[in-house]
Amino acid sequence: MSSSEAYAACLRIAREHYENFPVASWLVPATIRPHVAAVYAFARIADDYADEPGRSPDQRLALLADWRERLHRAAPPARAEAPATVAPQPVAVAPAGPHPLAGAILAAVGGTMREFDLPIELFDDLIDAFEQDVVTTRYQTWAEVDGYCSRSANPVGRLVLRLFGYRDLRMDRASDAFCTALQLTNFWQDLGIDWARGRLYVPGEVWRRHGADPASLDGRRVTTEWAAALRECADRTRGLYAEGRPVCDMVSGRLAYELRATWLGGARILDRLERHAFDVFGARPTLSAVDGLVIACRTLVWRRAPDTA
């Protein structure tokens, strides 16, 4: 399989899951889009392994361990984090794995890591998070939830920044807050879906404070106590959106528009959750075509955060 065929396979996966992957949109330059799709496809397959139906936890962990091993075989030799200009090189397809496109995806990821000097630790963090999903179904504190987000969401933001040539600690920190906010928004949006899978990301310290009972979620309804707990979660999430907003102004070009639209979309989902008293069982909030138009207009009239002006 050629390098172009490997990247084409990743782009197909990204397009199939477009609703969860706006960063592969037309706003991303065509030269960067295949590499962003490679990162997404890598994470998408790992996520599927973590949730694969019909497999025991041990079997899912074995799949993820194999995915990690294949990643390390496909990766170039470790290098420092410093920026580098590296000519693209041919990539070898890794041995076929449980997923029919495993070889193509890892070939593309290896090529992207080589071309952009991406640290393998960020990919390892993603696998760590998926392994955590297999073995951890409850979180007692915000620190535990934040720790999970630091591995499940924040590495993606840092990888995207590096694909666009940004390597700056201040930007990384803002990106981390932004990505954590997006991940938390998804948790509150998918409360019903995650509960059906046996997972609850609302920290125990929050739902206990409001007298909420997890068992009541079996009835597929959000009680007054759960609405109060989720309102606290939303308030904290909104603070992280504010903390992460500056990264949308630290980048330039089409990436700035992409990040601003993503920020606006996440905040809009959070607004909708609050407006409907967090009744995710009655109607899971999503963004419509009308929302897309509103977000596009607001992206164009975006005001820079004061500390980045």
C-alpha atoms as a PDB file:
ATOM      1  CA  MET A   1       0.000   0.000   0.000  1.00  0.00           C
ATOM      2  CA  SER A   2       1.322   3.427  -0.927  1.00  0.00           C
ATOM      3  CA  SER A   3       1.506   6.358   1.454  1.00  0.00           C
ATOM      4  CA  SER A   4      -1.306   8.139  -0.402  1.00  0.00           C
ATOM      5  CA  GLU A   5      -3.550   5.064  -0.105  1.00  0.00           C
ATOM      6  CA  ALA A   6      -2.846   4.843   3.629  1.00  0.00           C
ATOM      7  CA  TYR A   7      -3.847   8.476   4.157  1.00  0.00           C
ATOM      8  CA  ALA A   8      -6.916   8.044   1.952  1.00  0.00           C
ATOM      9  CA  ALA A   9      -8.085   5.253   4.263  1.00  0.00           C
ATOM     10  CA  CYS A  10      -7.726   7.583   7.271  1.00  0.00           C
ATOM     11  CA  LEU A  11      -9.688  10.319   5.507  1.00  0.00           C
ATOM     12  CA  ARG A  12     -12.520   7.874   4.821  1.00  0.00           C
ATOM     13  CA  ILE A  13     -12.712   7.012   8.516  1.00  0.00           C
ATOM     14  CA  ALA A  14     -12.724  10.699   9.464  1.00  0.00           C
ATOM     15  CA  ARG A  15     -15.536  11.475   7.015  1.00  0.00           C
ATOM     16  CA  GLU A  16     -17.618   8.560   8.279  1.00  0.00           C
ATOM     17  CA  HIS A  17     -17.475  10.072  11.771  1.00  0.00           C
ATOM     18  CA  TYR A  18     -17.564  13.706  10.746  1.00  0.00           C
ATOM     19  CA  GLU A  19     -20.015  14.717  13.467  1.00  0.00           C
ATOM     20  CA  ASN A  20     -17.293  13.965  16.026  1.00  0.00           C
ATOM     21  CA  PHE A  21     -14.395  15.257  13.985  1.00  0.00           C
ATOM     22  CA  PRO A  22     -14.839  18.815  12.683  1.00  0.00           C
ATOM     23  CA  VAL A  23     -11.085  19.406  12.529  1.00  0.00           C
ATOM     24  CA  ALA A  24     -10.889  17.442   9.267  1.00  0.00           C
ATOM     25  CA  SER A  25     -13.225  19.913   7.576  1.00  0.00           C
ATOM     26  CA  TRP A  26     -12.524  22.008   4.498  1.00  0.00           C
ATOM     27  CA  LEU A  27     -11.135  24.753   6.744  1.00  0.00           C
ATOM     28  CA  VAL A  28      -8.029  22.651   7.290  1.00  0.00           C
ATOM     29  CA  PRO A  29      -5.541  23.121   4.403  1.00  0.00           C
ATOM     30  CA  ALA A  30      -5.489  20.172   2.038  1.00  0.00           C
ATOM     31  CA  THR A  31      -1.811  19.542   2.791  1.00  0.00           C
ATOM     32  CA  ILE A  32      -2.544  19.089   6.513  1.00  0.00           C
ATOM     33  CA  ARG A  33      -5.927  17.357   6.318  1.00  0.00           C
ATOM     34  CA  PRO A  34      -4.613  13.795   5.724  1.00  0.00           C
ATOM     35  CA  HIS A  35      -2.308  14.085   8.734  1.00  0.00           C
ATOM     36  CA  VAL A  36      -5.099  15.296  11.019  1.00  0.00           C
ATOM     37  CA  ALA A  37      -7.229  12.435   9.718  1.00  0.00           C
ATOM     38  CA  ALA A  38      -4.412   9.981  10.525  1.00  0.00           C
ATOM     39  CA  VAL A  39      -4.383  11.146  14.146  1.00  0.00           C
ATOM     40  CA  TYR A  40      -8.162  10.851  14.309  1.00  0.00           C
ATOM     41  CA  ALA A  41      -8.234   7.383  12.723  1.00  0.00           C
ATOM     42  CA  PHE A  42      -5.619   6.153  15.189  1.00  0.00           C
ATOM     43  CA  ALA A  43      -7.735   7.357  18.124  1.00  0.00           C
ATOM     44  CA  ARG A  44     -10.996   6.166  16.537  1.00  0.00           C
ATOM     45  CA  ILE A  45      -9.793   2.570  16.252  1.00  0.00           C
ATOM     46  CA  ALA A  46      -8.431   2.599  19.803  1.00  0.00           C
ATOM     47  CA  ASP A  47     -11.785   3.911  21.018  1.00  0.00           C
ATOM     48  CA  ASP A  48     -13.570   1.126  19.155  1.00  0.00           C
ATOM     49  CA  TYR A  49     -11.278  -1.452  20.757  1.00  0.00           C
ATOM     50  CA  ALA A  50     -12.095  -0.067  24.214  1.00  0.00           C
ATOM     51  CA  ASP A  51     -15.842  -0.402  23.563  1.00  0.00           C
ATOM     52  CA  GLU A  52     -15.827  -3.482  21.341  1.00  0.00           C
ATOM     53  CA  PRO A  53     -19.015  -5.449  22.067  1.00  0.00           C
ATOM     54  CA  GLY A  54     -18.784  -9.151  22.666  1.00  0.00           C
ATOM     55  CA  ARG A  55     -15.256  -8.973  24.120  1.00  0.00           C
ATOM     56  CA  SER A  56     -14.266  -9.240  27.757  1.00  0.00           C
ATOM     57  CA  PRO A  57     -12.308  -6.435  29.446  1.00  0.00           C
ATOM     58  CA  ASP A  58      -9.150  -8.555  29.253  1.00  0.00           C
ATOM     59  CA  GLN A  59      -9.637  -9.058  25.512  1.00  0.00           C
ATOM     60  CA  ARG A  60     -10.182  -5.333  24.952  1.00  0.00           C
ATOM     61  CA  LEU A  61      -7.079  -4.500  26.966  1.00  0.00           C
ATOM     62  CA  ALA A  62      -5.147  -7.014  24.870  1.00  0.00           C
ATOM     63  CA  LEU A  63      -6.309  -5.285  21.686  1.00  0.00           C
ATOM     64  CA  LEU A  64      -5.179  -1.926  23.046  1.00  0.00           C
ATOM     65  CA  ALA A  65      -1.822  -3.350  24.138  1.00  0.00           C
ATOM     66  CA  ASP A  66      -1.345  -4.733  20.645  1.00  0.00           C
ATOM     67  CA  TRP A  67      -2.315  -1.333  19.167  1.00  0.00           C
ATOM     68  CA  ARG A  68       0.331   0.342  21.334  1.00  0.00           C
ATOM     69  CA  GLU A  69       2.969  -2.175  20.295  1.00  0.00           C
ATOM     70  CA  ARG A  70       2.152  -1.661  16.616  1.00  0.00           C
ATOM     71  CA  LEU A  71       2.321   2.103  17.112  1.00  0.00           C
ATOM     72  CA  HIS A  72       5.827   1.854  18.553  1.00  0.00           C
ATOM     73  CA  ARG A  73       6.923  -0.338  15.673  1.00  0.00           C
ATOM     74  CA  ALA A  74       5.542   2.161  13.153  1.00  0.00           C
ATOM     75  CA  ALA A  75       6.997   5.223  14.900  1.00  0.00           C
ATOM     76  CA  PRO A  76      10.327   6.771  13.834  1.00  0.00           C
ATOM     77  CA  PRO A  77      13.211   6.855  16.327  1.00  0.00           C
ATOM     78  CA  ALA A  78      12.535   9.228  19.207  1.00  0.00           C
ATOM     79  CA  ARG A  79      13.698  12.799  18.762  1.00  0.00           C
ATOM     80  CA  ALA A  80      13.599  15.980  20.828  1.00  0.00           C
ATOM     81  CA  GLU A  81      10.528  18.196  20.836  1.00  0.00           C
ATOM     82  CA  ALA A  82      12.354  20.962  18.918  1.00  0.00           C
ATOM     83  CA  PRO A  83      10.862  21.941  15.539  1.00  0.00           C
ATOM     84  CA  ALA A  84      12.409  20.224  12.562  1.00  0.00           C
ATOM     85  CA  THR A  85      11.978  20.183   8.822  1.00  0.00           C
ATOM     86  CA  VAL A  86      11.955  16.610   7.658  1.00  0.00           C
ATOM     87  CA  ALA A  87      11.413  15.467   4.101  1.00  0.00           C
ATOM     88  CA  PRO A  88       8.538  12.983   3.723  1.00  0.00           C
ATOM     89  CA  GLN A  89       9.718   9.393   3.500  1.00  0.00           C
ATOM     90  CA  PRO A  90       8.025   6.223   2.257  1.00  0.00           C
ATOM     91  CA  VAL A  91       6.101   4.432   4.972  1.00  0.00           C
ATOM     92  CA  ALA A  92       5.839   0.706   5.426  1.00  0.00           C
ATOM     93  CA  VAL A  93       2.492  -0.840   6.185  1.00  0.00           C
ATOM     94  CA  ALA A  94       2.414  -2.481   9.595  1.00  0.00           C
ATOM     95  CA  PRO A  95       1.239  -6.079   9.843  1.00  0.00           C
ATOM     96  CA  ALA A  96      -2.528  -6.473   9.546  1.00  0.00           C
ATOM     97  CA  GLY A  97      -4.300  -6.326  12.890  1.00  0.00           C
ATOM     98  CA  PRO A  98      -7.814  -7.085  14.159  1.00  0.00           C
ATOM     99  CA  HIS A  99      -9.134  -4.021  12.315  1.00  0.00           C
ATOM    100  CA  PRO A 100      -8.985  -4.419   8.518  1.00  0.00           C
ATOM    101  CA  LEU A 101      -7.401  -0.974   8.106  1.00  0.00           C
ATOM    102  CA  ALA A 102      -4.977  -1.265  11.013  1.00  0.00           C
ATOM    103  CA  GLY A 103      -1.952  -1.492   8.754  1.00  0.00           C
ATOM    104  CA  ALA A 104      -2.958   1.522   6.667  1.00  0.00           C
ATOM    105  CA  ILE A 105      -3.717   3.651   9.724  1.00  0.00           C
ATOM    106  CA  LEU A 106      -0.438   2.884  11.441  1.00  0.00           C
ATOM    107  CA  ALA A 107       1.477   3.467   8.217  1.00  0.00           C
ATOM    108  CA  ALA A 108      -0.113   6.907   7.941  1.00  0.00           C
ATOM    109  CA  VAL A 109       0.469   7.721  11.603  1.00  0.00           C
ATOM    110  CA  GLY A 110       4.099   6.667  11.352  1.00  0.00           C
ATOM    111  CA  GLY A 111       4.565   8.882   8.323  1.00  0.00           C
ATOM    112  CA  THR A 112       2.903  11.822  10.063  1.00  0.00           C
ATOM    113  CA  MET A 113       5.015  11.374  13.184  1.00  0.00           C
ATOM    114  CA  ARG A 114       8.127  11.346  11.024  1.00  0.00           C
ATOM    115  CA  GLU A 115       7.204  14.346   8.897  1.00  0.00           C
ATOM    116  CA  PHE A 116       6.080  16.572  11.789  1.00  0.00           C
ATOM    117  CA  ASP A 117       8.351  15.231  14.528  1.00  0.00           C
ATOM    118  CA  LEU A 118       5.402  14.338  16.755  1.00  0.00           C
ATOM    119  CA  PRO A 119       6.179  12.956  20.231  1.00  0.00           C
ATOM    120  CA  ILE A 120       4.984   9.401  20.660  1.00  0.00           C
ATOM    121  CA  GLU A 121       4.078  10.190  24.283  1.00  0.00           C
ATOM    122  CA  LEU A 122       0.949  12.023  23.114  1.00  0.00           C
ATOM    123  CA  PHE A 123      -0.238   8.899  21.279  1.00  0.00           C
ATOM    124  CA  ASP A 124       0.606   6.748  24.307  1.00  0.00           C
ATOM    125  CA  ASP A 125      -1.509   9.062  26.452  1.00  0.00           C
ATOM    126  CA  LEU A 126      -4.505   8.422  24.185  1.00  0.00           C
ATOM    127  CA  ILE A 127      -4.109   4.672  24.541  1.00  0.00           C
ATOM    128  CA  ASP A 128      -3.777   5.091  28.322  1.00  0.00           C
ATOM    129  CA  ALA A 129      -7.160   6.841  28.341  1.00  0.00           C
ATOM    130  CA  PHE A 130      -8.844   4.092  26.341  1.00  0.00           C
ATOM    131  CA  GLU A 131      -7.383   1.474  28.671  1.00  0.00           C
ATOM    132  CA  GLN A 132      -8.776   3.497  31.567  1.00  0.00           C
ATOM    133  CA  ASP A 133     -12.216   3.364  29.962  1.00  0.00           C
ATOM    134  CA  VAL A 134     -12.062  -0.417  30.094  1.00  0.00           C
ATOM    135  CA  VAL A 135     -11.210  -0.663  33.788  1.00  0.00           C
ATOM    136  CA  THR A 136     -12.667   2.520  35.342  1.00  0.00           C
ATOM    137  CA  THR A 137     -16.390   3.243  35.332  1.00  0.00           C
ATOM    138  CA  ARG A 138     -16.700   5.733  38.219  1.00  0.00           C
ATOM    139  CA  TYR A 139     -14.818   8.876  39.240  1.00  0.00           C
ATOM    140  CA  GLN A 140     -14.926  10.244  42.760  1.00  0.00           C
ATOM    141  CA  THR A 141     -13.240  13.639  42.371  1.00  0.00           C
ATOM    142  CA  TRP A 142     -12.676  16.366  39.798  1.00  0.00           C
ATOM    143  CA  ALA A 143      -8.965  15.588  39.980  1.00  0.00           C
ATOM    144  CA  GLU A 144      -9.673  12.077  38.706  1.00  0.00           C
ATOM    145  CA  VAL A 145     -11.861  13.363  35.857  1.00  0.00           C
ATOM    146  CA  ASP A 146      -9.269  16.003  34.936  1.00  0.00           C
ATOM    147  CA  GLY A 147      -6.587  13.321  34.908  1.00  0.00           C
ATOM    148  CA  TYR A 148      -8.630  11.282  32.467  1.00  0.00           C
ATOM    149  CA  CYS A 149      -9.206  14.300  30.192  1.00  0.00           C
ATOM    150  CA  SER A 150      -5.483  15.057  30.230  1.00  0.00           C
ATOM    151  CA  ARG A 151      -4.989  11.752  28.431  1.00  0.00           C
ATOM    152  CA  SER A 152      -8.204  11.400  26.416  1.00  0.00           C
ATOM    153  CA  ALA A 153      -8.666  14.917  25.005  1.00  0.00           C
ATOM    154  CA  ASN A 154      -5.706  17.196  25.626  1.00  0.00           C
ATOM    155  CA  PRO A 155      -3.187  15.195  23.535  1.00  0.00           C
ATOM    156  CA  VAL A 156      -5.380  15.693  20.458  1.00  0.00           C
ATOM    157  CA  GLY A 157      -5.237  19.460  20.827  1.00  0.00           C
ATOM    158  CA  ARG A 158      -1.471  19.426  21.245  1.00  0.00           C
ATOM    159  CA  LEU A 159      -1.053  17.169  18.230  1.00  0.00           C
ATOM    160  CA  VAL A 160      -3.176  19.472  16.063  1.00  0.00           C
ATOM    161  CA  LEU A 161      -1.127  22.481  17.165  1.00  0.00           C
ATOM    162  CA  ARG A 162       2.083  20.703  16.199  1.00  0.00           C
ATOM    163  CA  LEU A 163       0.696  19.704  12.823  1.00  0.00           C
ATOM    164  CA  PHE A 164       0.189  23.409  12.180  1.00  0.00           C
ATOM    165  CA  GLY A 165       3.690  24.288  13.383  1.00  0.00           C
ATOM    166  CA  TYR A 166       2.897  25.576  16.888  1.00  0.00           C
ATOM    167  CA  ARG A 167       5.097  24.524  19.802  1.00  0.00           C
ATOM    168  CA  ASP A 168       4.477  26.893  22.677  1.00  0.00           C
ATOM    169  CA  LEU A 169       3.771  26.069  26.320  1.00  0.00           C
ATOM    170  CA  ARG A 170       1.272  28.907  26.761  1.00  0.00           C
ATOM    171  CA  MET A 171      -0.691  27.693  23.754  1.00  0.00           C
ATOM    172  CA  ASP A 172      -0.543  24.122  25.028  1.00  0.00           C
ATOM    173  CA  ARG A 173      -2.053  25.137  28.352  1.00  0.00           C
ATOM    174  CA  ALA A 174      -4.901  27.061  26.735  1.00  0.00           C
ATOM    175  CA  SER A 175      -5.493  24.164  24.352  1.00  0.00           C
ATOM    176  CA  ASP A 176      -5.630  21.743  27.288  1.00  0.00           C
ATOM    177  CA  ALA A 177      -8.380  23.797  28.969  1.00  0.00           C
ATOM    178  CA  PHE A 178     -10.296  24.029  25.677  1.00  0.00           C
ATOM    179  CA  CYS A 179     -10.026  20.302  24.969  1.00  0.00           C
ATOM    180  CA  THR A 180     -11.006  19.377  28.523  1.00  0.00           C
ATOM    181  CA  ALA A 181     -14.071  21.626  28.199  1.00  0.00           C
ATOM    182  CA  LEU A 182     -15.052  19.867  24.976  1.00  0.00           C
ATOM    183  CA  GLN A 183     -14.572  16.450  26.576  1.00  0.00           C
ATOM    184  CA  LEU A 184     -16.658  17.406  29.613  1.00  0.00           C
ATOM    185  CA  THR A 185     -19.408  18.811  27.399  1.00  0.00           C
ATOM    186  CA  ASN A 186     -19.509  15.470  25.615  1.00  0.00           C
ATOM    187  CA  PHE A 187     -19.772  13.678  28.976  1.00  0.00           C
ATOM    188  CA  TRP A 188     -22.811  15.724  30.042  1.00  0.00           C
ATOM    189  CA  GLN A 189     -24.337  15.440  26.553  1.00  0.00           C
ATOM    190  CA  ASP A 190     -23.869  11.656  26.526  1.00  0.00           C
ATOM    191  CA  LEU A 191     -24.802  10.956  30.124  1.00  0.00           C
ATOM    192  CA  GLY A 192     -27.524   8.517  29.055  1.00  0.00           C
ATOM    193  CA  ILE A 193     -25.342   6.736  26.500  1.00  0.00           C
ATOM    194  CA  ASP A 194     -22.453   6.347  28.935  1.00  0.00           C
ATOM    195  CA  TRP A 195     -24.767   5.162  31.724  1.00  0.00           C
ATOM    196  CA  ALA A 196     -26.103   2.433  29.425  1.00  0.00           C
ATOM    197  CA  ARG A 197     -22.483   1.311  29.010  1.00  0.00           C
ATOM    198  CA  GLY A 198     -21.993   1.283  32.766  1.00  0.00           C
ATOM    199  CA  ARG A 199     -19.958   4.502  32.931  1.00  0.00           C
ATOM    200  CA  LEU A 200     -20.531   7.681  34.908  1.00  0.00           C
ATOM    201  CA  TYR A 201     -18.171  10.632  34.527  1.00  0.00           C
ATOM    202  CA  VAL A 202     -19.949  12.998  36.940  1.00  0.00           C
ATOM    203  CA  PRO A 203     -17.631  12.961  39.989  1.00  0.00           C
ATOM    204  CA  GLY A 204     -19.021  11.302  43.088  1.00  0.00           C
ATOM    205  CA  GLU A 205     -18.164  14.383  45.141  1.00  0.00           C
ATOM    206  CA  VAL A 206     -20.591  16.380  42.957  1.00  0.00           C
ATOM    207  CA  TRP A 207     -23.614  14.081  42.789  1.00  0.00           C
ATOM    208  CA  ARG A 208     -23.366  13.263  46.493  1.00  0.00           C
ATOM    209  CA  ARG A 209     -23.281  16.986  47.344  1.00  0.00           C
ATOM    210  CA  HIS A 210     -26.620  17.413  45.571  1.00  0.00           C
ATOM    211  CA  GLY A 211     -28.208  14.222  46.912  1.00  0.00           C
ATOM    212  CA  ALA A 212     -28.413  12.577  43.482  1.00  0.00           C
ATOM    213  CA  ASP A 213     -28.788   8.796  43.264  1.00  0.00           C
ATOM    214  CA  PRO A 214     -27.082   6.994  40.337  1.00  0.00           C
ATOM    215  CA  ALA A 215     -29.697   4.243  40.531  1.00  0.00           C
ATOM    216  CA  SER A 216     -32.360   6.760  39.464  1.00  0.00           C
ATOM    217  CA  LEU A 217     -30.644   7.013  36.068  1.00  0.00           C
ATOM    218  CA  ASP A 218     -31.892   3.487  35.342  1.00  0.00           C
ATOM    219  CA  GLY A 219     -35.321   5.053  34.943  1.00  0.00           C
ATOM    220  CA  ARG A 220     -33.959   7.241  32.115  1.00  0.00           C
ATOM    221  CA  ARG A 221     -34.888  10.495  33.745  1.00  0.00           C
ATOM    222  CA  VAL A 222     -32.933  13.416  35.175  1.00  0.00           C
ATOM    223  CA  THR A 223     -34.206  14.184  38.656  1.00  0.00           C
ATOM    224  CA  THR A 224     -34.059  17.599  40.288  1.00  0.00           C
ATOM    225  CA  GLU A 225     -30.978  16.443  42.192  1.00  0.00           C
ATOM    226  CA  TRP A 226     -29.245  15.297  39.029  1.00  0.00           C
ATOM    227  CA  ALA A 227     -30.116  18.558  37.275  1.00  0.00           C
ATOM    228  CA  ALA A 228     -28.448  20.451  40.129  1.00  0.00           C
ATOM    229  CA  ALA A 229     -25.361  18.240  39.952  1.00  0.00           C
ATOM    230  CA  LEU A 230     -25.105  18.689  36.196  1.00  0.00           C
ATOM    231  CA  ARG A 231     -25.556  22.443  36.554  1.00  0.00           C
ATOM    232  CA  GLU A 232     -22.479  22.490  38.785  1.00  0.00           C
ATOM    233  CA  CYS A 233     -20.647  20.422  36.167  1.00  0.00           C
ATOM    234  CA  ALA A 234     -21.710  22.850  33.440  1.00  0.00           C
ATOM    235  CA  ASP A 235     -20.511  25.853  35.452  1.00  0.00           C
ATOM    236  CA  ARG A 236     -17.085  24.313  35.828  1.00  0.00           C
ATOM    237  CA  THR A 237     -17.021  23.405  32.144  1.00  0.00           C
ATOM    238  CA  ARG A 238     -17.896  26.965  31.167  1.00  0.00           C
ATOM    239  CA  GLY A 239     -14.941  28.202  33.195  1.00  0.00           C
ATOM    240  CA  LEU A 240     -12.658  25.906  31.201  1.00  0.00           C
ATOM    241  CA  TYR A 241     -14.065  27.237  27.920  1.00  0.00           C
ATOM    242  CA  ALA A 242     -13.146  30.740  29.110  1.00  0.00           C
ATOM    243  CA  GLU A 243      -9.677  29.552  30.111  1.00  0.00           C
ATOM    244  CA  GLY A 244      -9.136  27.848  26.762  1.00  0.00           C
ATOM    245  CA  ARG A 245     -10.613  30.570  24.549  1.00  0.00           C
ATOM    246  CA  PRO A 246      -7.286  32.418  23.991  1.00  0.00           C
ATOM    247  CA  VAL A 247      -5.866  29.526  21.937  1.00  0.00           C
ATOM    248  CA  CYS A 248      -8.429  30.386  19.247  1.00  0.00           C
ATOM    249  CA  ASP A 249      -6.665  33.749  18.877  1.00  0.00           C
ATOM    250  CA  MET A 250      -3.089  32.518  19.237  1.00  0.00           C
ATOM    251  CA  VAL A 251      -3.259  30.624  15.945  1.00  0.00           C
ATOM    252  CA  SER A 252      -3.682  32.140  12.510  1.00  0.00           C
ATOM    253  CA  GLY A 253      -5.157  31.293   9.129  1.00  0.00           C
ATOM    254  CA  ARG A 254      -7.903  28.758   8.656  1.00  0.00           C
ATOM    255  CA  LEU A 255      -7.046  26.960  11.882  1.00  0.00           C
ATOM    256  CA  ALA A 256      -8.198  30.048  13.783  1.00  0.00           C
ATOM    257  CA  TYR A 257     -11.624  29.828  12.137  1.00  0.00           C
ATOM    258  CA  GLU A 258     -11.787  26.081  12.757  1.00  0.00           C
ATOM    259  CA  LEU A 259     -10.972  26.423  16.461  1.00  0.00           C
ATOM    260  CA  ARG A 260     -13.362  29.339  16.905  1.00  0.00           C
ATOM    261  CA  ALA A 261     -16.194  27.396  15.292  1.00  0.00           C
ATOM    262  CA  THR A 262     -15.424  24.372  17.458  1.00  0.00           C
ATOM    263  CA  TRP A 263     -15.337  26.540  20.589  1.00  0.00           C
ATOM    264  CA  LEU A 264     -18.668  28.134  19.686  1.00  0.00           C
ATOM    265  CA  GLY A 265     -20.221  24.753  18.906  1.00  0.00           C
ATOM    266  CA  GLY A 266     -19.167  23.244  22.223  1.00  0.00           C
ATOM    267  CA  ALA A 267     -20.394  26.259  24.184  1.00  0.00           C
ATOM    268  CA  ARG A 268     -23.691  26.143  22.275  1.00  0.00           C
ATOM    269  CA  ILE A 269     -24.234  22.493  23.234  1.00  0.00           C
ATOM    270  CA  LEU A 270     -23.594  23.440  26.857  1.00  0.00           C
ATOM    271  CA  ASP A 271     -26.133  26.276  26.595  1.00  0.00           C
ATOM    272  CA  ARG A 272     -28.693  23.871  25.150  1.00  0.00           C
ATOM    273  CA  LEU A 273     -28.133  21.370  27.945  1.00  0.00           C
ATOM    274  CA  GLU A 274     -28.778  24.067  30.534  1.00  0.00           C
ATOM    275  CA  ARG A 275     -31.818  25.381  28.692  1.00  0.00           C
ATOM    276  CA  HIS A 276     -33.403  21.909  28.737  1.00  0.00           C
ATOM    277  CA  ALA A 277     -32.538  21.277  32.385  1.00  0.00           C
ATOM    278  CA  PHE A 278     -30.036  18.579  31.314  1.00  0.00           C
ATOM    279  CA  ASP A 279     -32.805  16.206  30.204  1.00  0.00           C
ATOM    280  CA  VAL A 280     -30.518  14.166  27.957  1.00  0.00           C
ATOM    281  CA  PHE A 281     -32.884  11.194  28.090  1.00  0.00           C
ATOM    282  CA  GLY A 282     -35.753  13.183  26.620  1.00  0.00           C
ATOM    283  CA  ALA A 283     -33.699  14.719  23.831  1.00  0.00           C
ATOM    284  CA  ARG A 284     -29.923  14.510  23.453  1.00  0.00           C
ATOM    285  CA  PRO A 285     -28.841  18.016  22.337  1.00  0.00           C
ATOM    286  CA  THR A 286     -27.131  18.215  18.953  1.00  0.00           C
ATOM    287  CA  LEU A 287     -26.281  20.973  16.486  1.00  0.00           C
ATOM    288  CA  SER A 288     -28.540  21.508  13.486  1.00  0.00           C
ATOM    289  CA  ALA A 289     -27.936  23.198  10.143  1.00  0.00           C
ATOM    290  CA  VAL A 290     -29.375  26.387  11.605  1.00  0.00           C
ATOM    291  CA  ASP A 291     -26.873  26.148  14.448  1.00  0.00           C
ATOM    292  CA  GLY A 292     -24.157  25.786  11.838  1.00  0.00           C
ATOM    293  CA  LEU A 293     -25.192  29.037  10.190  1.00  0.00           C
ATOM    294  CA  VAL A 294     -25.280  30.853  13.530  1.00  0.00           C
ATOM    295  CA  ILE A 295     -21.852  29.503  14.447  1.00  0.00           C
ATOM    296  CA  ALA A 296     -20.452  30.505  11.047  1.00  0.00           C
ATOM    297  CA  CYS A 297     -21.712  34.079  11.483  1.00  0.00           C
ATOM    298  CA  ARG A 298     -20.343  34.322  15.006  1.00  0.00           C
ATOM    299  CA  THR A 299     -17.018  32.936  13.851  1.00  0.00           C
ATOM    300  CA  LEU A 300     -16.750  35.783  11.349  1.00  0.00           C
ATOM    301  CA  VAL A 301     -17.530  38.483  13.953  1.00  0.00           C
ATOM    302  CA  TRP A 302     -15.438  36.829  16.666  1.00  0.00           C
ATOM    303  CA  ARG A 303     -13.888  39.122  19.252  1.00  0.00           C
ATOM    304  CA  ARG A 304     -10.408  38.310  20.447  1.00  0.00           C
ATOM    305  CA  ALA A 305      -9.891  37.549  24.124  1.00  0.00           C
ATOM    306  CA  PRO A 306      -8.443  40.601  25.950  1.00  0.00           C
ATOM    307  CA  ASP A 307      -5.127  38.935  26.865  1.00  0.00           C
ATOM    308  CA  THR A 308      -4.425  37.948  23.241  1.00  0.00           C
ATOM    309  CA  ALA A 309      -5.377  41.217  21.548  1.00  0.00           C
END
